[in-house]
Amino acid sequence: MILPTPYAMTTSLELGGESGSRLVLPVVPARGTPAPEFSPPQPLEQRTDIKSEGFPWPGEWTVERDEARQKTIVHWKGKDGYEYPWGKQNDSESLTYEGDDAHPETCSVRGEAESVFALKGRTLSWRGHLLVTTDQANFYYSYTRELLKNGRILKTKTWKETIPRDHQ
């Protein structure tokens, strides 16, 4: 997910001139220890008993731009599926980003995800519901996870957190 800075801004780039053009972007300094070094991945045995129906990325994108109100909505969705010896798995996911040019601090992203496992004699489903909203000082994160058996909810859990915008 990428959410904009909370400050309205205008960017311009002048092309040409005697020395050509360049774009210098600010970088957030890294804190803490450097990332560990991993050994390169090794080839794995190819399984023939698992069938894949694709991967959700890059999925389908649509952009709705309202020039009069200076707002943008971006929709993304993707799905995939697998067939295993013990059953089938189907996954779907969608994300909706909303931004306002005049108030970039109030952007949001909503997401829905579902994994359905069709097994012998039952169907299990995991559903996820995401909402991230922002203001000038914070990100507000909310995620609800549901477990269903044969369409009936067995368990639900929600996480909520306020995260300061400390890298702005």
N, C-alpha and C. Protein backbone atom coordinates (compact mmCIF):
# COMPACT_ATOMS: atom_id res chain seq x y z
N MET A 1 0.83 -1.17 0.00
CA MET A 1 0.00 0.00 0.00
C MET A 1 0.88 1.24 0.00
N ILE A 2 0.45 2.19 -0.74
CA ILE A 2 1.17 3.46 -0.76
C ILE A 2 0.15 4.55 -0.50
N LEU A 3 0.40 5.36 0.53
CA LEU A 3 -0.46 6.48 0.86
C LEU A 3 0.35 7.76 0.74
N PRO A 4 -0.27 8.85 0.29
CA PRO A 4 0.49 10.08 0.04
C PRO A 4 0.91 10.79 1.33
N THR A 5 1.85 11.69 1.17
CA THR A 5 2.24 12.57 2.25
C THR A 5 1.02 13.39 2.68
N PRO A 6 0.93 13.82 3.94
CA PRO A 6 -0.25 14.58 4.38
C PRO A 6 -0.21 16.04 3.96
N TYR A 7 0.80 16.46 3.22
CA TYR A 7 0.94 17.86 2.86
C TYR A 7 0.66 18.06 1.38
N ALA A 8 -0.17 19.07 1.07
CA ALA A 8 -0.42 19.42 -0.32
C ALA A 8 0.87 19.96 -0.92
N MET A 9 1.10 19.64 -2.17
CA MET A 9 2.33 20.11 -2.81
C MET A 9 2.16 20.15 -4.32
N THR A 10 3.03 20.89 -4.97
CA THR A 10 3.09 20.93 -6.42
C THR A 10 4.52 20.59 -6.81
N THR A 11 4.66 19.74 -7.79
CA THR A 11 5.98 19.34 -8.25
C THR A 11 6.14 19.77 -9.70
N SER A 12 7.30 20.29 -10.02
CA SER A 12 7.58 20.63 -11.41
C SER A 12 8.97 20.13 -11.76
N LEU A 13 9.16 19.81 -13.02
CA LEU A 13 10.44 19.33 -13.52
C LEU A 13 10.73 20.07 -14.81
N GLU A 14 11.83 20.79 -14.83
CA GLU A 14 12.22 21.52 -16.03
C GLU A 14 13.18 20.64 -16.82
N LEU A 15 12.91 20.51 -18.10
CA LEU A 15 13.71 19.65 -18.96
C LEU A 15 14.71 20.45 -19.77
N GLY A 16 15.82 19.83 -20.08
CA GLY A 16 16.79 20.43 -20.99
C GLY A 16 17.82 21.27 -20.27
N GLY A 17 18.24 22.32 -20.94
CA GLY A 17 19.29 23.17 -20.39
C GLY A 17 20.66 22.64 -20.77
N GLU A 18 21.70 23.37 -20.36
CA GLU A 18 23.06 22.99 -20.72
C GLU A 18 23.50 21.67 -20.10
N SER A 19 23.04 21.37 -18.88
CA SER A 19 23.50 20.16 -18.21
C SER A 19 22.46 19.04 -18.20
N GLY A 20 21.39 19.18 -18.94
CA GLY A 20 20.36 18.14 -18.98
C GLY A 20 19.44 18.23 -17.77
N SER A 21 18.71 17.18 -17.51
CA SER A 21 17.74 17.17 -16.42
C SER A 21 18.06 16.06 -15.44
N ARG A 22 17.62 16.25 -14.22
CA ARG A 22 17.72 15.20 -13.22
C ARG A 22 16.65 15.43 -12.18
N LEU A 23 16.31 14.38 -11.50
CA LEU A 23 15.30 14.41 -10.46
C LEU A 23 15.93 13.84 -9.19
N VAL A 24 15.99 14.64 -8.14
CA VAL A 24 16.55 14.20 -6.87
C VAL A 24 15.41 14.10 -5.88
N LEU A 25 15.20 12.90 -5.36
CA LEU A 25 14.11 12.66 -4.43
C LEU A 25 14.63 12.51 -3.01
N PRO A 26 13.86 13.00 -2.03
CA PRO A 26 14.28 12.81 -0.64
C PRO A 26 14.17 11.35 -0.25
N VAL A 27 15.01 10.92 0.67
CA VAL A 27 15.02 9.54 1.13
C VAL A 27 14.87 9.54 2.64
N VAL A 28 13.98 8.70 3.14
CA VAL A 28 13.83 8.55 4.58
C VAL A 28 15.03 7.74 5.07
N PRO A 29 15.80 8.28 6.04
CA PRO A 29 16.98 7.53 6.49
C PRO A 29 16.59 6.24 7.18
N ALA A 30 17.39 5.21 6.95
CA ALA A 30 17.15 3.91 7.58
C ALA A 30 17.55 4.00 9.05
N ARG A 31 16.78 3.33 9.88
CA ARG A 31 17.08 3.29 11.31
C ARG A 31 17.32 1.85 11.71
N GLY A 32 18.09 1.66 12.76
CA GLY A 32 18.29 0.33 13.28
C GLY A 32 19.34 -0.44 12.50
N THR A 33 19.27 -1.74 12.63
CA THR A 33 20.26 -2.61 12.00
C THR A 33 19.93 -2.83 10.53
N PRO A 34 20.94 -3.07 9.72
CA PRO A 34 20.67 -3.35 8.31
C PRO A 34 19.96 -4.69 8.15
N ALA A 35 19.28 -4.83 7.03
CA ALA A 35 18.56 -6.07 6.75
C ALA A 35 19.55 -7.23 6.65
N PRO A 36 19.16 -8.41 7.13
CA PRO A 36 20.07 -9.55 7.06
C PRO A 36 20.29 -9.98 5.61
N GLU A 37 21.45 -10.56 5.37
CA GLU A 37 21.72 -11.09 4.04
C GLU A 37 21.22 -12.53 3.98
N PHE A 38 20.50 -12.84 2.91
CA PHE A 38 19.96 -14.18 2.72
C PHE A 38 20.70 -14.87 1.59
N SER A 39 20.82 -16.17 1.69
CA SER A 39 21.43 -16.91 0.60
C SER A 39 20.44 -16.95 -0.57
N PRO A 40 20.94 -17.08 -1.79
CA PRO A 40 20.03 -17.10 -2.94
C PRO A 40 19.07 -18.29 -2.86
N PRO A 41 17.87 -18.13 -3.41
CA PRO A 41 16.91 -19.24 -3.37
C PRO A 41 17.41 -20.44 -4.16
N GLN A 42 17.06 -21.61 -3.68
CA GLN A 42 17.47 -22.85 -4.34
C GLN A 42 16.27 -23.42 -5.09
N PRO A 43 16.50 -24.07 -6.23
CA PRO A 43 15.37 -24.66 -6.96
C PRO A 43 14.70 -25.74 -6.13
N LEU A 44 13.37 -25.81 -6.25
CA LEU A 44 12.60 -26.81 -5.52
C LEU A 44 12.07 -27.86 -6.48
N GLU A 45 11.71 -28.98 -5.92
CA GLU A 45 11.11 -30.05 -6.70
C GLU A 45 9.75 -29.58 -7.21
N GLN A 46 9.48 -29.77 -8.47
CA GLN A 46 8.20 -29.38 -9.06
C GLN A 46 7.13 -30.41 -8.72
N ARG A 47 6.03 -29.95 -8.11
CA ARG A 47 4.95 -30.86 -7.76
C ARG A 47 3.96 -30.96 -8.90
N THR A 48 3.52 -32.16 -9.20
CA THR A 48 2.55 -32.37 -10.28
C THR A 48 1.14 -32.58 -9.74
N ASP A 49 0.97 -32.71 -8.41
CA ASP A 49 -0.35 -32.95 -7.84
C ASP A 49 -1.05 -31.66 -7.42
N ILE A 50 -0.45 -30.50 -7.69
CA ILE A 50 -1.05 -29.21 -7.37
C ILE A 50 -1.23 -28.45 -8.68
N LYS A 51 -2.44 -27.97 -8.91
CA LYS A 51 -2.74 -27.20 -10.12
C LYS A 51 -3.08 -25.77 -9.72
N SER A 52 -2.49 -24.80 -10.38
CA SER A 52 -2.70 -23.40 -10.08
C SER A 52 -3.51 -22.77 -11.20
N GLU A 53 -4.41 -21.86 -10.81
CA GLU A 53 -5.22 -21.13 -11.79
C GLU A 53 -4.74 -19.71 -11.97
N GLY A 54 -3.55 -19.40 -11.52
CA GLY A 54 -3.03 -18.05 -11.70
C GLY A 54 -2.69 -17.39 -10.39
N PHE A 55 -2.19 -16.18 -10.49
CA PHE A 55 -1.79 -15.40 -9.34
C PHE A 55 -2.50 -14.06 -9.42
N PRO A 56 -2.92 -13.47 -8.29
CA PRO A 56 -3.73 -12.26 -8.35
C PRO A 56 -2.99 -11.04 -8.90
N TRP A 57 -1.68 -11.03 -8.89
CA TRP A 57 -0.96 -9.87 -9.38
C TRP A 57 -0.66 -10.03 -10.86
N PRO A 58 -0.84 -9.11 -11.76
CA PRO A 58 -1.15 -7.73 -11.45
C PRO A 58 -2.63 -7.44 -11.28
N GLY A 59 -3.51 -8.38 -11.56
CA GLY A 59 -4.94 -8.15 -11.34
C GLY A 59 -5.53 -7.14 -12.30
N GLU A 60 -6.67 -6.59 -11.90
CA GLU A 60 -7.37 -5.61 -12.72
C GLU A 60 -7.39 -4.27 -11.99
N TRP A 61 -6.99 -3.21 -12.70
CA TRP A 61 -6.95 -1.87 -12.13
C TRP A 61 -7.94 -0.97 -12.85
N THR A 62 -8.63 -0.11 -12.12
CA THR A 62 -9.42 0.96 -12.72
C THR A 62 -9.16 2.23 -11.92
N VAL A 63 -9.17 3.36 -12.62
CA VAL A 63 -8.94 4.65 -11.98
C VAL A 63 -10.11 5.55 -12.32
N GLU A 64 -10.71 6.15 -11.28
CA GLU A 64 -11.78 7.12 -11.46
C GLU A 64 -11.24 8.48 -11.02
N ARG A 65 -11.19 9.43 -11.94
CA ARG A 65 -10.69 10.76 -11.61
C ARG A 65 -11.81 11.76 -11.76
N ASP A 66 -12.09 12.52 -10.69
CA ASP A 66 -13.09 13.58 -10.70
C ASP A 66 -12.34 14.91 -10.71
N GLU A 67 -12.13 15.47 -11.90
CA GLU A 67 -11.37 16.72 -12.02
C GLU A 67 -12.07 17.88 -11.34
N ALA A 68 -13.39 17.92 -11.39
CA ALA A 68 -14.12 19.02 -10.77
C ALA A 68 -13.89 19.06 -9.25
N ARG A 69 -13.88 17.91 -8.61
CA ARG A 69 -13.68 17.84 -7.15
C ARG A 69 -12.23 17.54 -6.77
N GLN A 70 -11.38 17.28 -7.79
CA GLN A 70 -9.96 16.98 -7.57
C GLN A 70 -9.76 15.77 -6.66
N LYS A 71 -10.53 14.70 -6.94
CA LYS A 71 -10.44 13.47 -6.17
C LYS A 71 -10.19 12.29 -7.10
N THR A 72 -9.52 11.28 -6.56
CA THR A 72 -9.21 10.09 -7.34
C THR A 72 -9.55 8.85 -6.53
N ILE A 73 -10.13 7.86 -7.20
CA ILE A 73 -10.38 6.55 -6.60
C ILE A 73 -9.73 5.51 -7.50
N VAL A 74 -8.94 4.63 -6.90
CA VAL A 74 -8.28 3.56 -7.63
C VAL A 74 -8.81 2.24 -7.08
N HIS A 75 -9.28 1.37 -7.98
CA HIS A 75 -9.78 0.05 -7.60
C HIS A 75 -8.83 -1.00 -8.13
N TRP A 76 -8.52 -2.00 -7.30
CA TRP A 76 -7.73 -3.14 -7.74
C TRP A 76 -8.41 -4.41 -7.26
N LYS A 77 -8.39 -5.44 -8.11
CA LYS A 77 -8.89 -6.74 -7.67
C LYS A 77 -8.10 -7.83 -8.37
N GLY A 78 -7.98 -8.95 -7.67
CA GLY A 78 -7.27 -10.09 -8.23
C GLY A 78 -7.81 -11.37 -7.61
N LYS A 79 -7.60 -12.48 -8.30
CA LYS A 79 -8.05 -13.77 -7.77
C LYS A 79 -7.15 -14.87 -8.29
N ASP A 80 -7.11 -15.96 -7.57
CA ASP A 80 -6.38 -17.13 -8.01
C ASP A 80 -7.00 -18.36 -7.36
N GLY A 81 -6.57 -19.52 -7.80
CA GLY A 81 -7.11 -20.75 -7.25
C GLY A 81 -6.11 -21.89 -7.40
N TYR A 82 -6.27 -22.90 -6.55
CA TYR A 82 -5.39 -24.05 -6.55
C TYR A 82 -6.21 -25.31 -6.34
N GLU A 83 -5.77 -26.37 -6.95
CA GLU A 83 -6.41 -27.67 -6.75
C GLU A 83 -5.37 -28.61 -6.17
N TYR A 84 -5.67 -29.14 -4.97
CA TYR A 84 -4.77 -30.03 -4.24
C TYR A 84 -5.40 -31.42 -4.17
N PRO A 85 -4.62 -32.40 -3.78
CA PRO A 85 -5.20 -33.74 -3.60
C PRO A 85 -6.31 -33.76 -2.55
N TRP A 86 -6.27 -32.88 -1.58
CA TRP A 86 -7.26 -32.86 -0.49
C TRP A 86 -8.42 -31.90 -0.72
N GLY A 87 -8.40 -31.09 -1.79
CA GLY A 87 -9.50 -30.16 -2.05
C GLY A 87 -9.06 -28.98 -2.90
N LYS A 88 -9.90 -27.95 -2.92
CA LYS A 88 -9.63 -26.75 -3.72
C LYS A 88 -9.52 -25.53 -2.84
N GLN A 89 -8.73 -24.56 -3.30
CA GLN A 89 -8.58 -23.28 -2.63
C GLN A 89 -8.81 -22.19 -3.66
N ASN A 90 -9.67 -21.21 -3.34
CA ASN A 90 -9.88 -20.06 -4.19
C ASN A 90 -9.68 -18.80 -3.35
N ASP A 91 -8.88 -17.88 -3.87
CA ASP A 91 -8.57 -16.64 -3.18
C ASP A 91 -9.03 -15.46 -4.02
N SER A 92 -9.55 -14.44 -3.36
CA SER A 92 -9.88 -13.20 -4.05
C SER A 92 -9.54 -12.04 -3.12
N GLU A 93 -9.20 -10.92 -3.73
CA GLU A 93 -8.81 -9.75 -2.96
C GLU A 93 -9.17 -8.51 -3.75
N SER A 94 -9.56 -7.45 -3.05
CA SER A 94 -9.80 -6.17 -3.70
C SER A 94 -9.34 -5.05 -2.78
N LEU A 95 -8.85 -3.98 -3.39
CA LEU A 95 -8.41 -2.79 -2.66
C LEU A 95 -9.00 -1.56 -3.34
N THR A 96 -9.41 -0.58 -2.55
CA THR A 96 -9.90 0.69 -3.08
C THR A 96 -9.17 1.82 -2.36
N TYR A 97 -8.44 2.61 -3.15
CA TYR A 97 -7.70 3.76 -2.62
C TYR A 97 -8.48 5.02 -2.95
N GLU A 98 -8.59 5.95 -1.99
CA GLU A 98 -9.26 7.22 -2.25
C GLU A 98 -8.33 8.35 -1.84
N GLY A 99 -8.19 9.34 -2.72
CA GLY A 99 -7.35 10.49 -2.44
C GLY A 99 -8.02 11.78 -2.84
N ASP A 100 -7.68 12.85 -2.13
CA ASP A 100 -8.24 14.18 -2.36
C ASP A 100 -7.06 15.13 -2.51
N ASP A 101 -6.92 15.74 -3.70
CA ASP A 101 -5.79 16.63 -3.95
C ASP A 101 -5.69 17.75 -2.93
N ALA A 102 -6.82 18.35 -2.54
CA ALA A 102 -6.82 19.48 -1.61
C ALA A 102 -6.56 19.03 -0.17
N HIS A 103 -6.83 17.77 0.14
CA HIS A 103 -6.65 17.26 1.51
C HIS A 103 -5.97 15.88 1.46
N PRO A 104 -4.70 15.84 1.09
CA PRO A 104 -4.02 14.54 1.00
C PRO A 104 -3.89 13.83 2.34
N GLU A 105 -4.05 14.56 3.42
CA GLU A 105 -3.98 13.94 4.75
C GLU A 105 -5.19 13.05 5.04
N THR A 106 -6.24 13.13 4.24
CA THR A 106 -7.46 12.36 4.49
C THR A 106 -7.63 11.19 3.52
N CYS A 107 -6.56 10.66 3.01
CA CYS A 107 -6.67 9.54 2.08
C CYS A 107 -7.07 8.26 2.84
N SER A 108 -7.46 7.25 2.08
CA SER A 108 -7.85 5.98 2.71
C SER A 108 -7.64 4.82 1.75
N VAL A 109 -7.62 3.63 2.33
CA VAL A 109 -7.62 2.41 1.55
C VAL A 109 -8.53 1.41 2.26
N ARG A 110 -9.39 0.78 1.48
CA ARG A 110 -10.28 -0.28 1.98
C ARG A 110 -9.92 -1.56 1.24
N GLY A 111 -9.97 -2.67 1.95
CA GLY A 111 -9.64 -3.94 1.31
C GLY A 111 -10.55 -5.05 1.79
N GLU A 112 -10.80 -5.98 0.89
CA GLU A 112 -11.57 -7.19 1.19
C GLU A 112 -10.79 -8.37 0.63
N ALA A 113 -10.70 -9.42 1.41
CA ALA A 113 -10.01 -10.62 0.94
C ALA A 113 -10.77 -11.85 1.42
N GLU A 114 -10.73 -12.90 0.62
CA GLU A 114 -11.38 -14.15 1.02
C GLU A 114 -10.60 -15.32 0.45
N SER A 115 -10.37 -16.31 1.30
CA SER A 115 -9.80 -17.60 0.90
C SER A 115 -10.81 -18.67 1.24
N VAL A 116 -11.24 -19.43 0.24
CA VAL A 116 -12.25 -20.48 0.42
C VAL A 116 -11.59 -21.83 0.16
N PHE A 117 -11.72 -22.73 1.13
CA PHE A 117 -11.15 -24.07 1.02
C PHE A 117 -12.30 -25.07 0.94
N ALA A 118 -12.47 -25.69 -0.22
CA ALA A 118 -13.52 -26.70 -0.42
C ALA A 118 -12.90 -28.05 -0.10
N LEU A 119 -13.34 -28.65 0.99
CA LEU A 119 -12.83 -29.92 1.46
C LEU A 119 -13.92 -30.97 1.39
N LYS A 120 -13.59 -32.20 1.67
CA LYS A 120 -14.60 -33.25 1.68
C LYS A 120 -15.58 -32.99 2.81
N GLY A 121 -16.84 -32.75 2.49
CA GLY A 121 -17.89 -32.60 3.48
C GLY A 121 -18.00 -31.24 4.15
N ARG A 122 -17.14 -30.27 3.81
CA ARG A 122 -17.25 -28.94 4.42
C ARG A 122 -16.49 -27.91 3.59
N THR A 123 -16.85 -26.66 3.82
CA THR A 123 -16.16 -25.54 3.19
C THR A 123 -15.73 -24.58 4.29
N LEU A 124 -14.45 -24.25 4.31
CA LEU A 124 -13.91 -23.28 5.26
C LEU A 124 -13.55 -22.01 4.51
N SER A 125 -13.86 -20.87 5.12
CA SER A 125 -13.56 -19.58 4.49
C SER A 125 -12.90 -18.67 5.51
N TRP A 126 -11.86 -17.97 5.06
CA TRP A 126 -11.25 -16.89 5.83
C TRP A 126 -11.59 -15.60 5.09
N ARG A 127 -12.15 -14.63 5.80
CA ARG A 127 -12.44 -13.33 5.20
C ARG A 127 -11.68 -12.26 5.97
N GLY A 128 -11.19 -11.28 5.24
CA GLY A 128 -10.50 -10.16 5.86
C GLY A 128 -11.09 -8.86 5.37
N HIS A 129 -11.23 -7.90 6.31
CA HIS A 129 -11.79 -6.59 5.99
C HIS A 129 -10.82 -5.53 6.53
N LEU A 130 -10.23 -4.75 5.63
CA LEU A 130 -9.21 -3.77 5.98
C LEU A 130 -9.74 -2.36 5.79
N LEU A 131 -9.38 -1.46 6.71
CA LEU A 131 -9.63 -0.04 6.53
C LEU A 131 -8.45 0.72 7.12
N VAL A 132 -7.81 1.55 6.29
CA VAL A 132 -6.76 2.45 6.76
C VAL A 132 -7.18 3.85 6.35
N THR A 133 -7.31 4.72 7.35
CA THR A 133 -7.61 6.13 7.08
C THR A 133 -6.48 6.95 7.70
N THR A 134 -6.41 8.22 7.32
CA THR A 134 -5.31 9.06 7.80
C THR A 134 -5.81 10.46 8.13
N ASP A 135 -5.02 11.13 8.94
CA ASP A 135 -5.17 12.56 9.12
C ASP A 135 -3.76 13.15 9.13
N GLN A 136 -3.61 14.40 9.51
CA GLN A 136 -2.30 15.05 9.48
C GLN A 136 -1.27 14.35 10.35
N ALA A 137 -1.70 13.74 11.46
CA ALA A 137 -0.75 13.20 12.43
C ALA A 137 -0.66 11.67 12.47
N ASN A 138 -1.71 10.95 12.01
CA ASN A 138 -1.77 9.51 12.25
C ASN A 138 -2.33 8.71 11.08
N PHE A 139 -2.00 7.41 11.11
CA PHE A 139 -2.68 6.39 10.32
C PHE A 139 -3.61 5.67 11.28
N TYR A 140 -4.83 5.35 10.85
CA TYR A 140 -5.78 4.60 11.68
C TYR A 140 -6.05 3.28 10.97
N TYR A 141 -5.60 2.21 11.60
CA TYR A 141 -5.64 0.88 11.02
C TYR A 141 -6.72 0.05 11.70
N SER A 142 -7.54 -0.61 10.88
CA SER A 142 -8.56 -1.52 11.41
C SER A 142 -8.62 -2.74 10.48
N TYR A 143 -8.55 -3.92 11.08
CA TYR A 143 -8.62 -5.15 10.29
C TYR A 143 -9.47 -6.17 11.05
N THR A 144 -10.43 -6.74 10.35
CA THR A 144 -11.29 -7.78 10.94
C THR A 144 -11.09 -9.06 10.15
N ARG A 145 -10.89 -10.15 10.88
CA ARG A 145 -10.72 -11.47 10.27
C ARG A 145 -11.87 -12.36 10.72
N GLU A 146 -12.46 -13.08 9.78
CA GLU A 146 -13.59 -13.97 10.08
C GLU A 146 -13.26 -15.37 9.59
N LEU A 147 -13.65 -16.37 10.38
CA LEU A 147 -13.55 -17.77 9.98
C LEU A 147 -14.96 -18.31 9.86
N LEU A 148 -15.27 -18.89 8.69
CA LEU A 148 -16.60 -19.45 8.45
C LEU A 148 -16.49 -20.93 8.10
N LYS A 149 -17.47 -21.69 8.55
CA LYS A 149 -17.58 -23.10 8.17
C LYS A 149 -18.95 -23.27 7.53
N ASN A 150 -18.96 -23.73 6.28
CA ASN A 150 -20.19 -23.91 5.52
C ASN A 150 -21.07 -22.65 5.55
N GLY A 151 -20.42 -21.48 5.45
CA GLY A 151 -21.15 -20.21 5.38
C GLY A 151 -21.54 -19.61 6.71
N ARG A 152 -21.29 -20.27 7.84
CA ARG A 152 -21.65 -19.75 9.15
C ARG A 152 -20.39 -19.28 9.88
N ILE A 153 -20.45 -18.09 10.46
CA ILE A 153 -19.29 -17.53 11.15
C ILE A 153 -19.00 -18.31 12.42
N LEU A 154 -17.75 -18.79 12.55
CA LEU A 154 -17.30 -19.49 13.74
C LEU A 154 -16.54 -18.57 14.69
N LYS A 155 -15.74 -17.66 14.11
CA LYS A 155 -14.90 -16.81 14.94
C LYS A 155 -14.63 -15.51 14.20
N THR A 156 -14.57 -14.41 14.95
CA THR A 156 -14.24 -13.09 14.41
C THR A 156 -13.27 -12.41 15.36
N LYS A 157 -12.30 -11.73 14.80
CA LYS A 157 -11.38 -10.94 15.61
C LYS A 157 -11.07 -9.65 14.87
N THR A 158 -11.00 -8.53 15.62
CA THR A 158 -10.71 -7.23 15.03
C THR A 158 -9.49 -6.64 15.72
N TRP A 159 -8.60 -6.08 14.91
CA TRP A 159 -7.44 -5.34 15.41
C TRP A 159 -7.61 -3.89 15.01
N LYS A 160 -7.32 -2.97 15.95
CA LYS A 160 -7.36 -1.54 15.67
C LYS A 160 -6.11 -0.92 16.26
N GLU A 161 -5.53 0.00 15.50
CA GLU A 161 -4.31 0.64 15.98
C GLU A 161 -4.20 2.03 15.37
N THR A 162 -3.70 2.96 16.17
CA THR A 162 -3.36 4.29 15.69
C THR A 162 -1.85 4.34 15.58
N ILE A 163 -1.36 4.69 14.40
CA ILE A 163 0.08 4.70 14.13
C ILE A 163 0.50 6.11 13.78
N PRO A 164 1.40 6.72 14.57
CA PRO A 164 1.83 8.10 14.26
C PRO A 164 2.54 8.20 12.91
N ARG A 165 2.33 9.30 12.23
CA ARG A 165 3.06 9.60 10.99
C ARG A 165 4.40 10.20 11.40
N ASP A 166 5.34 9.38 11.80
CA ASP A 166 6.61 9.90 12.31
C ASP A 166 7.71 9.95 11.26
N HIS A 167 7.43 9.58 10.01
CA HIS A 167 8.44 9.62 8.96
C HIS A 167 8.10 10.68 7.91
N GLN A 168 7.31 11.65 8.26
CA GLN A 168 6.89 12.65 7.28
C GLN A 168 7.79 13.87 7.34
